[in-house]
Amino acid sequence: MSRSTKHSDPHFKRIRNAMNRESYANPGTRCRRCGLTLAERRMTKPNDIWSCGHPDAPGDRGYAPEHRSCNSQLAAQQTNDKRIGFNAGL
């Protein structure tokens, strides 16, 4: 999987590591995307983990904890939307 340069940025890595530690330490942490705790999310996605969501959607403000599945789902949707927009121009 190809990662953008923001994922290899030392500043992002520090934020990600701190956010992940805090998210796992607090069972009440809720995902920015779906609003569920990790325990609630694991009822339907048992192997889900925390991910550091960076601001990449309208209305996002800074970095926030997100379930990896929520983060990946948004990335896939954005990529598909770009493809549809690209193909619509043909």
Protein backbone atom coordinates (compact mmCIF):
# COMPACT_ATOMS: atom_id res chain seq x y z
CA MET A 1 0.00 0.00 0.00
CA SER A 2 1.34 3.40 -0.92
CA ARG A 3 1.34 5.99 1.84
CA SER A 4 1.29 9.71 1.42
CA THR A 5 4.17 11.82 2.68
CA LYS A 6 2.11 12.96 5.68
CA HIS A 7 2.30 9.41 7.10
CA SER A 8 6.12 9.49 7.17
CA ASP A 9 6.33 13.01 8.63
CA PRO A 10 8.06 12.92 12.07
CA HIS A 11 5.53 15.42 13.50
CA PHE A 12 2.61 13.21 12.42
CA LYS A 13 4.31 10.11 13.85
CA ARG A 14 4.69 11.80 17.26
CA ILE A 15 1.04 12.87 17.25
CA ARG A 16 -0.10 9.41 16.09
CA ASN A 17 1.87 7.58 18.77
CA ALA A 18 0.63 9.85 21.56
CA MET A 19 -2.97 9.70 20.34
CA ASN A 20 -2.93 5.92 20.08
CA ARG A 21 -1.53 5.58 23.63
CA GLU A 22 -4.22 7.91 24.98
CA SER A 23 -7.02 6.23 22.99
CA TYR A 24 -6.15 2.75 24.25
CA ALA A 25 -5.69 4.05 27.83
CA ASN A 26 -9.20 5.56 27.90
CA PRO A 27 -11.94 3.01 27.10
CA GLY A 28 -14.41 5.89 26.70
CA THR A 29 -12.59 7.31 23.66
CA ARG A 30 -14.98 7.68 20.72
CA CYS A 31 -14.22 7.59 17.00
CA ARG A 32 -14.53 10.89 15.17
CA ARG A 33 -16.22 9.16 12.20
CA CYS A 34 -18.76 6.77 13.76
CA GLY A 35 -18.92 7.91 17.40
CA LEU A 36 -18.40 4.41 18.83
CA THR A 37 -15.88 3.30 21.42
CA LEU A 38 -13.43 0.59 20.42
CA ALA A 39 -15.36 -2.01 22.46
CA GLU A 40 -18.62 -1.04 20.71
CA ARG A 41 -16.98 -1.17 17.29
CA ARG A 42 -15.41 -4.55 17.96
CA MET A 43 -18.90 -6.04 18.34
CA THR A 44 -19.17 -5.89 14.54
CA LYS A 45 -15.48 -5.55 13.60
CA PRO A 46 -13.61 -7.69 16.16
CA ASN A 47 -10.10 -6.92 14.90
CA ASP A 48 -10.46 -3.15 14.57
CA ILE A 49 -7.80 -0.92 16.14
CA TRP A 50 -7.31 2.80 16.74
CA SER A 51 -5.89 4.98 14.00
CA CYS A 52 -4.87 8.63 14.05
CA GLY A 53 -7.25 10.46 11.74
CA HIS A 54 -5.75 13.53 10.15
CA PRO A 55 -7.82 16.43 8.83
CA ASP A 56 -8.79 15.37 5.32
CA ALA A 57 -12.53 15.90 5.08
CA PRO A 58 -14.64 19.06 5.21
CA GLY A 59 -15.25 20.01 8.82
CA ASP A 60 -12.31 18.03 10.23
CA ARG A 61 -10.43 20.00 12.85
CA GLY A 62 -7.00 18.65 13.61
CA TYR A 63 -6.04 15.09 14.42
CA ALA A 64 -8.52 12.80 16.17
CA PRO A 65 -8.86 9.11 17.04
CA GLU A 66 -10.64 7.00 14.45
CA HIS A 67 -11.12 3.28 14.06
CA ARG A 68 -8.87 1.96 11.32
CA SER A 69 -11.93 0.64 9.45
CA CYS A 70 -13.62 4.08 9.57
CA ASN A 71 -10.43 5.78 8.40
CA SER A 72 -9.96 3.28 5.54
CA GLN A 73 -13.61 3.51 4.55
CA LEU A 74 -13.34 7.28 4.15
CA ALA A 75 -10.13 6.97 2.13
CA ALA A 76 -11.75 4.40 -0.18
CA GLN A 77 -14.82 6.60 -0.64
CA GLN A 78 -12.70 9.64 -1.49
CA THR A 79 -10.67 7.63 -4.00
CA ASN A 80 -13.81 6.24 -5.62
CA ASP A 81 -15.34 9.70 -5.80
CA LYS A 82 -12.24 10.98 -7.58
CA ARG A 83 -12.41 8.10 -10.05
CA ILE A 84 -16.07 8.71 -10.76
CA GLY A 85 -15.36 12.41 -11.30
CA PHE A 86 -12.45 11.54 -13.59
CA ASN A 87 -14.49 9.01 -15.59
CA ALA A 88 -17.45 11.39 -15.87
CA GLY A 89 -15.25 13.75 -17.87
CA LEU A 90 -14.64 11.19 -20.63
